[in-house]
PDB file of N, CA and C in Angstrom:
ATOM      1  N   MET A   1       3.778   5.780   1.251  1.00  0.00           N
ATOM      2  CA  MET A   1       2.743   5.435   0.306  1.00  0.00           C
ATOM      3  C   MET A   1       2.251   4.043   0.639  1.00  0.00           C
ATOM      4  N   ARG A   2       0.933   3.881   0.580  1.00  0.00           N
ATOM      5  CA  ARG A   2       0.337   2.609   0.918  1.00  0.00           C
ATOM      6  C   ARG A   2      -0.542   2.138  -0.226  1.00  0.00           C
ATOM      7  N   ILE A   3      -0.394   0.897  -0.621  1.00  0.00           N
ATOM      8  CA  ILE A   3      -1.191   0.344  -1.706  1.00  0.00           C
ATOM      9  C   ILE A   3      -2.422  -0.299  -1.100  1.00  0.00           C
ATOM     10  N   GLY A   4      -3.545  -0.062  -1.729  1.00  0.00           N
ATOM     11  CA  GLY A   4      -4.781  -0.661  -1.227  1.00  0.00           C
ATOM     12  C   GLY A   4      -5.969  -0.194  -2.037  1.00  0.00           C
ATOM     13  N   VAL A   5      -7.112  -0.422  -1.497  1.00  0.00           N
ATOM     14  CA  VAL A   5      -8.370  -0.052  -2.160  1.00  0.00           C
ATOM     15  C   VAL A   5      -8.928   1.170  -1.466  1.00  0.00           C
ATOM     16  N   ILE A   6      -9.326   2.139  -2.244  1.00  0.00           N
ATOM     17  CA  ILE A   6      -9.935   3.349  -1.704  1.00  0.00           C
ATOM     18  C   ILE A   6     -11.437   3.126  -1.646  1.00  0.00           C
ATOM     19  N   GLN A   7     -11.995   3.275  -0.473  1.00  0.00           N
ATOM     20  CA  GLN A   7     -13.434   3.130  -0.304  1.00  0.00           C
ATOM     21  C   GLN A   7     -14.105   4.464  -0.623  1.00  0.00           C
ATOM     22  N   PRO A   8     -15.062   4.455  -1.529  1.00  0.00           N
ATOM     23  CA  PRO A   8     -15.744   5.715  -1.829  1.00  0.00           C
ATOM     24  C   PRO A   8     -16.572   6.170  -0.630  1.00  0.00           C
ATOM     25  N   GLN A   9     -16.657   7.483  -0.479  1.00  0.00           N
ATOM     26  CA  GLN A   9     -17.486   8.016   0.594  1.00  0.00           C
ATOM     27  C   GLN A   9     -18.942   7.852   0.200  1.00  0.00           C
ATOM     28  N   LEU A  10     -19.726   7.371   1.121  1.00  0.00           N
ATOM     29  CA  LEU A  10     -21.148   7.207   0.853  1.00  0.00           C
ATOM     30  C   LEU A  10     -21.850   8.527   1.086  1.00  0.00           C
ATOM     31  N   PRO A  11     -22.761   8.892   0.191  1.00  0.00           N
ATOM     32  CA  PRO A  11     -23.497  10.137   0.401  1.00  0.00           C
ATOM     33  C   PRO A  11     -24.414  10.012   1.609  1.00  0.00           C
ATOM     34  N   ALA A  12     -24.790  11.162   2.154  1.00  0.00           N
ATOM     35  CA  ALA A  12     -25.707  11.165   3.291  1.00  0.00           C
ATOM     36  C   ALA A  12     -27.014  10.493   2.883  1.00  0.00           C
ATOM     37  N   ALA A  13     -27.615   9.817   3.820  1.00  0.00           N
ATOM     38  CA  ALA A  13     -28.858   9.101   3.525  1.00  0.00           C
ATOM     39  C   ALA A  13     -29.940  10.080   3.094  1.00  0.00           C
ATOM     40  N   PRO A  14     -30.572   9.847   1.942  1.00  0.00           N
ATOM     41  CA  PRO A  14     -31.596  10.767   1.476  1.00  0.00           C
ATOM     42  C   PRO A  14     -32.786  10.864   2.426  1.00  0.00           C
ATOM     43  N   GLN A  15     -33.053   9.784   3.179  1.00  0.00           N
ATOM     44  CA  GLN A  15     -34.171   9.817   4.115  1.00  0.00           C
ATOM     45  C   GLN A  15     -33.921  10.868   5.202  1.00  0.00           C
ATOM     46  N   CYS A  16     -32.667  10.978   5.652  1.00  0.00           N
ATOM     47  CA  CYS A  16     -32.320  11.951   6.686  1.00  0.00           C
ATOM     48  C   CYS A  16     -32.555  13.376   6.184  1.00  0.00           C
ATOM     49  N   TRP A  17     -32.096  13.648   4.973  1.00  0.00           N
ATOM     50  CA  TRP A  17     -32.282  14.972   4.362  1.00  0.00           C
ATOM     51  C   TRP A  17     -33.772  15.262   4.200  1.00  0.00           C
ATOM     52  N   GLY A  18     -34.513  14.270   3.721  1.00  0.00           N
ATOM     53  CA  GLY A  18     -35.954  14.439   3.528  1.00  0.00           C
ATOM     54  C   GLY A  18     -36.679  14.723   4.823  1.00  0.00           C
ATOM     55  N   ARG A  19     -36.269  14.037   5.912  1.00  0.00           N
ATOM     56  CA  ARG A  19     -36.909  14.271   7.207  1.00  0.00           C
ATOM     57  C   ARG A  19     -36.647  15.680   7.707  1.00  0.00           C
ATOM     58  N   GLN A  20     -35.438  16.181   7.467  1.00  0.00           N
ATOM     59  CA  GLN A  20     -35.141  17.552   7.898  1.00  0.00           C
ATOM     60  C   GLN A  20     -36.006  18.546   7.150  1.00  0.00           C
ATOM     61  N   LEU A  21     -36.191  18.328   5.852  1.00  0.00           N
ATOM     62  CA  LEU A  21     -37.034  19.240   5.068  1.00  0.00           C
ATOM     63  C   LEU A  21     -38.498  19.113   5.459  1.00  0.00           C
ATOM     64  N   ASP A  22     -38.935  17.896   5.787  1.00  0.00           N
ATOM     65  CA  ASP A  22     -40.336  17.699   6.185  1.00  0.00           C
ATOM     66  C   ASP A  22     -40.674  18.445   7.464  1.00  0.00           C
ATOM     67  N   ARG A  23     -39.674  18.669   8.323  1.00  0.00           N
ATOM     68  CA  ARG A  23     -39.905  19.379   9.582  1.00  0.00           C
ATOM     69  C   ARG A  23     -40.038  20.888   9.396  1.00  0.00           C
ATOM     70  N   ILE A  24     -39.630  21.401   8.256  1.00  0.00           N
ATOM     71  CA  ILE A  24     -39.716  22.843   8.009  1.00  0.00           C
ATOM     72  C   ILE A  24     -41.162  23.188   7.659  1.00  0.00           C
ATOM     73  N   VAL A  25     -41.705  24.135   8.391  1.00  0.00           N
ATOM     74  CA  VAL A  25     -43.094  24.544   8.198  1.00  0.00           C
ATOM     75  C   VAL A  25     -43.111  25.882   7.465  1.00  0.00           C
ATOM     76  N   LEU A  26     -43.787  25.894   6.337  1.00  0.00           N
ATOM     77  CA  LEU A  26     -43.928  27.139   5.577  1.00  0.00           C
ATOM     78  C   LEU A  26     -45.092  27.932   6.137  1.00  0.00           C
ATOM     79  N   ILE A  27     -45.003  29.237   6.028  1.00  0.00           N
ATOM     80  CA  ILE A  27     -46.086  30.099   6.518  1.00  0.00           C
ATOM     81  C   ILE A  27     -46.909  30.612   5.337  1.00  0.00           C
ATOM     82  N   ALA A  28     -47.981  31.314   5.635  1.00  0.00           N
ATOM     83  CA  ALA A  28     -48.925  31.760   4.612  1.00  0.00           C
ATOM     84  C   ALA A  28     -48.262  32.580   3.512  1.00  0.00           C
ATOM     85  N   CYS A  29     -47.332  33.460   3.856  1.00  0.00           N
ATOM     86  CA  CYS A  29     -46.702  34.287   2.819  1.00  0.00           C
ATOM     87  C   CYS A  29     -45.821  33.433   1.898  1.00  0.00           C
ATOM     88  N   ASP A  30     -45.281  32.321   2.413  1.00  0.00           N
ATOM     89  CA  ASP A  30     -44.507  31.407   1.559  1.00  0.00           C
ATOM     90  C   ASP A  30     -45.420  30.757   0.525  1.00  0.00           C
ATOM     91  N   TYR A  31     -46.587  30.319   0.977  1.00  0.00           N
ATOM     92  CA  TYR A  31     -47.537  29.702   0.046  1.00  0.00           C
ATOM     93  C   TYR A  31     -48.083  30.722  -0.954  1.00  0.00           C
ATOM     94  N   ALA A  32     -48.245  31.966  -0.515  1.00  0.00           N
ATOM     95  CA  ALA A  32     -48.693  33.022  -1.438  1.00  0.00           C
ATOM     96  C   ALA A  32     -47.635  33.256  -2.517  1.00  0.00           C
ATOM     97  N   LEU A  33     -46.367  33.221  -2.133  1.00  0.00           N
ATOM     98  CA  LEU A  33     -45.273  33.371  -3.091  1.00  0.00           C
ATOM     99  C   LEU A  33     -45.307  32.242  -4.121  1.00  0.00           C
ATOM    100  N   ILE A  34     -45.523  31.017  -3.651  1.00  0.00           N
ATOM    101  CA  ILE A  34     -45.601  29.869  -4.556  1.00  0.00           C
ATOM    102  C   ILE A  34     -46.785  30.014  -5.501  1.00  0.00           C
ATOM    103  N   GLU A  35     -47.928  30.423  -4.977  1.00  0.00           N
ATOM    104  CA  GLU A  35     -49.127  30.595  -5.819  1.00  0.00           C
ATOM    105  C   GLU A  35     -48.899  31.645  -6.905  1.00  0.00           C
ATOM    106  N   ARG A  36     -48.221  32.736  -6.562  1.00  0.00           N
ATOM    107  CA  ARG A  36     -47.923  33.756  -7.574  1.00  0.00           C
ATOM    108  C   ARG A  36     -46.984  33.201  -8.636  1.00  0.00           C
ATOM    109  N   ALA A  37     -46.049  32.354  -8.226  1.00  0.00           N
ATOM    110  CA  ALA A  37     -45.072  31.806  -9.171  1.00  0.00           C
ATOM    111  C   ALA A  37     -45.725  30.865 -10.183  1.00  0.00           C
ATOM    112  N   VAL A  38     -46.779  30.160  -9.785  1.00  0.00           N
ATOM    113  CA  VAL A  38     -47.410  29.177 -10.677  1.00  0.00           C
ATOM    114  C   VAL A  38     -48.743  29.669 -11.248  1.00  0.00           C
ATOM    115  N   ALA A  39     -49.089  30.910 -10.988  1.00  0.00           N
ATOM    116  CA  ALA A  39     -50.398  31.436 -11.398  1.00  0.00           C
ATOM    117  C   ALA A  39     -50.655  31.343 -12.901  1.00  0.00           C
ATOM    118  N   SER A  40     -49.625  31.465 -13.705  1.00  0.00           N
ATOM    119  CA  SER A  40     -49.827  31.476 -15.160  1.00  0.00           C
ATOM    120  C   SER A  40     -49.899  30.072 -15.774  1.00  0.00           C
ATOM    121  N   ILE A  41     -49.749  29.035 -14.984  1.00  0.00           N
ATOM    122  CA  ILE A  41     -49.813  27.661 -15.510  1.00  0.00           C
ATOM    123  C   ILE A  41     -51.270  27.235 -15.587  1.00  0.00           C
ATOM    124  N   ALA A  42     -51.724  26.890 -16.785  1.00  0.00           N
ATOM    125  CA  ALA A  42     -53.132  26.542 -16.997  1.00  0.00           C
ATOM    126  C   ALA A  42     -53.438  25.083 -16.657  1.00  0.00           C
ATOM    127  N   ASP A  43     -52.550  24.176 -16.970  1.00  0.00           N
ATOM    128  CA  ASP A  43     -52.772  22.743 -16.729  1.00  0.00           C
ATOM    129  C   ASP A  43     -52.752  22.463 -15.221  1.00  0.00           C
ATOM    130  N   PRO A  44     -53.863  21.951 -14.655  1.00  0.00           N
ATOM    131  CA  PRO A  44     -53.912  21.739 -13.201  1.00  0.00           C
ATOM    132  C   PRO A  44     -52.884  20.724 -12.682  1.00  0.00           C
ATOM    133  N   GLN A  45     -52.606  19.663 -13.435  1.00  0.00           N
ATOM    134  CA  GLN A  45     -51.627  18.677 -12.991  1.00  0.00           C
ATOM    135  C   GLN A  45     -50.216  19.269 -12.994  1.00  0.00           C
ATOM    136  N   LEU A  46     -49.898  19.997 -14.046  1.00  0.00           N
ATOM    137  CA  LEU A  46     -48.589  20.636 -14.126  1.00  0.00           C
ATOM    138  C   LEU A  46     -48.444  21.697 -13.036  1.00  0.00           C
ATOM    139  N   LYS A  47     -49.521  22.430 -12.777  1.00  0.00           N
ATOM    140  CA  LYS A  47     -49.509  23.460 -11.748  1.00  0.00           C
ATOM    141  C   LYS A  47     -49.248  22.833 -10.371  1.00  0.00           C
ATOM    142  N   GLU A  48     -49.880  21.685 -10.103  1.00  0.00           N
ATOM    143  CA  GLU A  48     -49.684  21.000  -8.824  1.00  0.00           C
ATOM    144  C   GLU A  48     -48.240  20.523  -8.670  1.00  0.00           C
ATOM    145  N   LYS A  49     -47.672  19.971  -9.745  1.00  0.00           N
ATOM    146  CA  LYS A  49     -46.280  19.523  -9.697  1.00  0.00           C
ATOM    147  C   LYS A  49     -45.332  20.701  -9.501  1.00  0.00           C
ATOM    148  N   ALA A  50     -45.604  21.803 -10.189  1.00  0.00           N
ATOM    149  CA  ALA A  50     -44.773  22.997 -10.043  1.00  0.00           C
ATOM    150  C   ALA A  50     -44.845  23.519  -8.611  1.00  0.00           C
ATOM    151  N   CYS A  51     -46.028  23.476  -8.007  1.00  0.00           N
ATOM    152  CA  CYS A  51     -46.176  23.915  -6.608  1.00  0.00           C
ATOM    153  C   CYS A  51     -45.305  23.067  -5.689  1.00  0.00           C
ATOM    154  N   LYS A  52     -45.292  21.762  -5.908  1.00  0.00           N
ATOM    155  CA  LYS A  52     -44.483  20.867  -5.079  1.00  0.00           C
ATOM    156  C   LYS A  52     -42.988  21.154  -5.256  1.00  0.00           C
ATOM    157  N   VAL A  53     -42.575  21.410  -6.498  1.00  0.00           N
ATOM    158  CA  VAL A  53     -41.165  21.726  -6.754  1.00  0.00           C
ATOM    159  C   VAL A  53     -40.780  23.036  -6.072  1.00  0.00           C
ATOM    160  N   PHE A  54     -41.622  24.065  -6.209  1.00  0.00           N
ATOM    161  CA  PHE A  54     -41.333  25.352  -5.569  1.00  0.00           C
ATOM    162  C   PHE A  54     -41.330  25.218  -4.044  1.00  0.00           C
ATOM    163  N   GLU A  55     -42.252  24.421  -3.496  1.00  0.00           N
ATOM    164  CA  GLU A  55     -42.295  24.213  -2.052  1.00  0.00           C
ATOM    165  C   GLU A  55     -41.010  23.536  -1.574  1.00  0.00           C
ATOM    166  N   HIS A  56     -40.562  22.529  -2.304  1.00  0.00           N
ATOM    167  CA  HIS A  56     -39.325  21.821  -1.962  1.00  0.00           C
ATOM    168  C   HIS A  56     -38.129  22.782  -2.049  1.00  0.00           C
ATOM    169  N   PHE A  57     -38.063  23.567  -3.113  1.00  0.00           N
ATOM    170  CA  PHE A  57     -36.975  24.531  -3.289  1.00  0.00           C
ATOM    171  C   PHE A  57     -36.966  25.559  -2.156  1.00  0.00           C
ATOM    172  N   LEU A  58     -38.141  26.032  -1.778  1.00  0.00           N
ATOM    173  CA  LEU A  58     -38.239  27.021  -0.709  1.00  0.00           C
ATOM    174  C   LEU A  58     -37.784  26.430   0.621  1.00  0.00           C
ATOM    175  N   LYS A  59     -38.144  25.174   0.878  1.00  0.00           N
ATOM    176  CA  LYS A  59     -37.708  24.520   2.111  1.00  0.00           C
ATOM    177  C   LYS A  59     -36.193  24.345   2.134  1.00  0.00           C
ATOM    178  N   ILE A  60     -35.607  24.001   0.994  1.00  0.00           N
ATOM    179  CA  ILE A  60     -34.145  23.883   0.923  1.00  0.00           C
ATOM    180  C   ILE A  60     -33.499  25.236   1.211  1.00  0.00           C
ATOM    181  N   SER A  61     -34.050  26.298   0.633  1.00  0.00           N
ATOM    182  CA  SER A  61     -33.500  27.643   0.873  1.00  0.00           C
ATOM    183  C   SER A  61     -33.595  28.020   2.349  1.00  0.00           C
ATOM    184  N   LEU A  62     -34.737  27.720   2.983  1.00  0.00           N
ATOM    185  CA  LEU A  62     -34.893  28.024   4.404  1.00  0.00           C
ATOM    186  C   LEU A  62     -33.931  27.199   5.252  1.00  0.00           C
ATOM    187  N   TRP A  63     -33.753  25.925   4.904  1.00  0.00           N
ATOM    188  CA  TRP A  63     -32.816  25.073   5.632  1.00  0.00           C
ATOM    189  C   TRP A  63     -31.400  25.637   5.534  1.00  0.00           C
ATOM    190  N   LYS A  64     -31.013  26.047   4.333  1.00  0.00           N
ATOM    191  CA  LYS A  64     -29.671  26.595   4.138  1.00  0.00           C
ATOM    192  C   LYS A  64     -29.470  27.863   4.965  1.00  0.00           C
ATOM    193  N   ARG A  65     -30.463  28.736   4.985  1.00  0.00           N
ATOM    194  CA  ARG A  65     -30.342  29.972   5.765  1.00  0.00           C
ATOM    195  C   ARG A  65     -30.192  29.663   7.251  1.00  0.00           C
ATOM    196  N   ARG A  66     -30.939  28.674   7.730  1.00  0.00           N
ATOM    197  CA  ARG A  66     -30.876  28.295   9.145  1.00  0.00           C
ATOM    198  C   ARG A  66     -29.562  27.616   9.510  1.00  0.00           C
ATOM    199  N   HIS A  67     -28.845  27.121   8.508  1.00  0.00           N
ATOM    200  CA  HIS A  67     -27.596  26.409   8.772  1.00  0.00           C
ATOM    201  C   HIS A  67     -26.368  27.198   8.314  1.00  0.00           C
ATOM    202  N   GLY A  68     -26.483  28.515   8.305  1.00  0.00           N
ATOM    203  CA  GLY A  68     -25.309  29.360   8.121  1.00  0.00           C
ATOM    204  C   GLY A  68     -24.928  29.714   6.698  1.00  0.00           C
ATOM    205  N   PHE A  69     -25.739  29.378   5.715  1.00  0.00           N
ATOM    206  CA  PHE A  69     -25.422  29.790   4.353  1.00  0.00           C
ATOM    207  C   PHE A  69     -25.653  31.292   4.243  1.00  0.00           C
ATOM    208  N   LYS A  70     -24.831  31.952   3.460  1.00  0.00           N
ATOM    209  CA  LYS A  70     -24.952  33.393   3.254  1.00  0.00           C
ATOM    210  C   LYS A  70     -25.550  33.656   1.872  1.00  0.00           C
ATOM    211  N   GLU A  71     -26.111  34.845   1.697  1.00  0.00           N
ATOM    212  CA  GLU A  71     -26.693  35.219   0.413  1.00  0.00           C
ATOM    213  C   GLU A  71     -25.802  36.223  -0.294  1.00  0.00           C
ATOM    214  N   CYS A  72     -25.477  35.940  -1.553  1.00  0.00           N
ATOM    215  CA  CYS A  72     -24.687  36.869  -2.355  1.00  0.00           C
ATOM    216  C   CYS A  72     -25.537  38.107  -2.636  1.00  0.00           C
ATOM    217  N   PRO A  73     -25.030  39.304  -2.337  1.00  0.00           N
ATOM    218  CA  PRO A  73     -25.814  40.518  -2.584  1.00  0.00           C
ATOM    219  C   PRO A  73     -26.075  40.772  -4.070  1.00  0.00           C
ATOM    220  N   LYS A  74     -25.207  40.261  -4.916  1.00  0.00           N
ATOM    221  CA  LYS A  74     -25.368  40.501  -6.349  1.00  0.00           C
ATOM    222  C   LYS A  74     -26.303  39.494  -7.000  1.00  0.00           C
ATOM    223  N   TYR A  75     -26.149  38.195  -6.680  1.00  0.00           N
ATOM    224  CA  TYR A  75     -26.907  37.139  -7.358  1.00  0.00           C
ATOM    225  C   TYR A  75     -27.994  36.503  -6.496  1.00  0.00           C
ATOM    226  N   GLN A  76     -28.061  36.840  -5.217  1.00  0.00           N
ATOM    227  CA  GLN A  76     -29.000  36.271  -4.262  1.00  0.00           C
ATOM    228  C   GLN A  76     -28.859  34.752  -4.123  1.00  0.00           C
ATOM    229  N   ALA A  77     -27.728  34.193  -4.512  1.00  0.00           N
ATOM    230  CA  ALA A  77     -27.470  32.763  -4.372  1.00  0.00           C
ATOM    231  C   ALA A  77     -26.987  32.486  -2.957  1.00  0.00           C
ATOM    232  N   LEU A  78     -27.408  31.359  -2.391  1.00  0.00           N
ATOM    233  CA  LEU A  78     -26.960  30.964  -1.062  1.00  0.00           C
ATOM    234  C   LEU A  78     -25.679  30.157  -1.200  1.00  0.00           C
ATOM    235  N   TYR A  79     -24.704  30.442  -0.334  1.00  0.00           N
ATOM    236  CA  TYR A  79     -23.410  29.771  -0.436  1.00  0.00           C
ATOM    237  C   TYR A  79     -22.770  29.649   0.936  1.00  0.00           C
ATOM    238  N   ARG A  80     -21.771  28.775   1.024  1.00  0.00           N
ATOM    239  CA  ARG A  80     -20.923  28.643   2.205  1.00  0.00           C
ATOM    240  C   ARG A  80     -19.538  29.117   1.821  1.00  0.00           C
ATOM    241  N   GLY A  81     -18.784  29.555   2.778  1.00  0.00           N
ATOM    242  CA  GLY A  81     -17.419  29.939   2.460  1.00  0.00           C
ATOM    243  C   GLY A  81     -17.083  31.326   2.932  1.00  0.00           C
ATOM    244  N   HIS A  82     -16.293  32.028   2.116  1.00  0.00           N
ATOM    245  CA  HIS A  82     -15.821  33.377   2.442  1.00  0.00           C
ATOM    246  C   HIS A  82     -17.006  34.232   2.887  1.00  0.00           C
ATOM    247  N   PRO A  83     -16.841  34.959   3.977  1.00  0.00           N
ATOM    248  CA  PRO A  83     -17.978  35.686   4.532  1.00  0.00           C
ATOM    249  C   PRO A  83     -18.591  36.754   3.643  1.00  0.00           C
ATOM    250  N   SER A  84     -17.847  37.291   2.704  1.00  0.00           N
ATOM    251  CA  SER A  84     -18.413  38.403   1.943  1.00  0.00           C
ATOM    252  C   SER A  84     -18.553  38.161   0.446  1.00  0.00           C
ATOM    253  N   LEU A  85     -17.948  37.105  -0.077  1.00  0.00           N
ATOM    254  CA  LEU A  85     -17.995  36.939  -1.526  1.00  0.00           C
ATOM    255  C   LEU A  85     -18.475  35.559  -1.950  1.00  0.00           C
ATOM    256  N   TYR A  86     -19.479  35.549  -2.810  1.00  0.00           N
ATOM    257  CA  TYR A  86     -19.966  34.347  -3.452  1.00  0.00           C
ATOM    258  C   TYR A  86     -18.827  33.813  -4.330  1.00  0.00           C
ATOM    259  N   PRO A  87     -18.617  32.488  -4.408  1.00  0.00           N
ATOM    260  CA  PRO A  87     -17.474  31.961  -5.169  1.00  0.00           C
ATOM    261  C   PRO A  87     -17.372  32.495  -6.600  1.00  0.00           C
ATOM    262  N   ILE A  88     -18.477  32.682  -7.259  1.00  0.00           N
ATOM    263  CA  ILE A  88     -18.440  33.201  -8.637  1.00  0.00           C
ATOM    264  C   ILE A  88     -17.915  34.645  -8.638  1.00  0.00           C
ATOM    265  N   CYS A  89     -18.272  35.415  -7.626  1.00  0.00           N
ATOM    266  CA  CYS A  89     -17.826  36.806  -7.552  1.00  0.00           C
ATOM    267  C   CYS A  89     -16.336  36.907  -7.245  1.00  0.00           C
ATOM    268  N   ARG A  90     -15.754  35.865  -6.629  1.00  0.00           N
ATOM    269  CA  ARG A  90     -14.326  35.892  -6.297  1.00  0.00           C
ATOM    270  C   ARG A  90     -13.444  35.621  -7.501  1.00  0.00           C
ATOM    271  N   VAL A  91     -13.981  34.957  -8.513  1.00  0.00           N
ATOM    272  CA  VAL A  91     -13.181  34.628  -9.687  1.00  0.00           C
ATOM    273  C   VAL A  91     -12.943  35.911 -10.477  1.00  0.00           C
ATOM    274  N   PRO A  92     -11.709  36.286 -10.669  1.00  0.00           N
ATOM    275  CA  PRO A  92     -11.466  37.525 -11.424  1.00  0.00           C
ATOM    276  C   PRO A  92     -11.903  37.360 -12.874  1.00  0.00           C
ATOM    277  N   LEU A  93     -12.489  38.390 -13.381  1.00  0.00           N
ATOM    278  CA  LEU A  93     -12.898  38.354 -14.791  1.00  0.00           C
ATOM    279  C   LEU A  93     -11.666  38.452 -15.666  1.00  0.00           C
ATOM    280  N   ARG A  94     -11.593  37.583 -16.630  1.00  0.00           N
ATOM    281  CA  ARG A  94     -10.448  37.577 -17.536  1.00  0.00           C
ATOM    282  C   ARG A  94     -10.893  38.068 -18.897  1.00  0.00           C
ATOM    283  N   ARG A  95     -10.062  38.845 -19.494  1.00  0.00           N
ATOM    284  CA  ARG A  95     -10.358  39.303 -20.863  1.00  0.00           C
ATOM    285  C   ARG A  95      -9.634  38.402 -21.826  1.00  0.00           C
ATOM    286  N   PHE A  96     -10.397  37.839 -22.720  1.00  0.00           N
ATOM    287  CA  PHE A  96      -9.812  36.970 -23.712  1.00  0.00           C
ATOM    288  C   PHE A  96      -9.551  37.773 -24.974  1.00  0.00           C
ATOM    289  N   PRO A  97      -8.407  37.556 -25.627  1.00  0.00           N
ATOM    290  CA  PRO A  97      -8.144  38.311 -26.842  1.00  0.00           C
ATOM    291  C   PRO A  97      -9.181  37.980 -27.907  1.00  0.00           C
ATOM    292  N   SER A  98      -9.541  38.989 -28.613  1.00  0.00           N
ATOM    293  CA  SER A  98     -10.547  38.756 -29.669  1.00  0.00           C
ATOM    294  C   SER A  98      -9.902  38.023 -30.834  1.00  0.00           C
ATOM    295  N   HIS A  99     -10.678  37.206 -31.475  1.00  0.00           N
ATOM    296  CA  HIS A  99     -10.165  36.385 -32.591  1.00  0.00           C
ATOM    297  C   HIS A  99     -10.662  36.947 -33.929  1.00  0.00           C
ATOM    298  N   ASN A 100     -10.608  38.246 -34.087  1.00  0.00           N
ATOM    299  CA  ASN A 100     -11.090  38.850 -35.347  1.00  0.00           C
ATOM    300  C   ASN A 100     -10.059  38.755 -36.416  1.00  0.00           C
TER     301      ASN A 100
END
């Protein structure tokens, strides 16, 4: 056992992550998907912000797929780990006794 100060791990530089996402190019069908998602928003400023959020989310999803993340067949969530089971699906369901 050694006494000392534990240095916290520094998170990855956000600029690096941002640059990787900026390099991802969306295609026409991706933009069509985003437009359908925000079609019901009437406020133009809110619609523009929602488009940017959806575009960012889509780029993150594409980055994850390109870097080995798998998709859960049940929840469509992207994850790393066990080749066939999303972490939530691996947790056994427990029955709790009813408190009637």
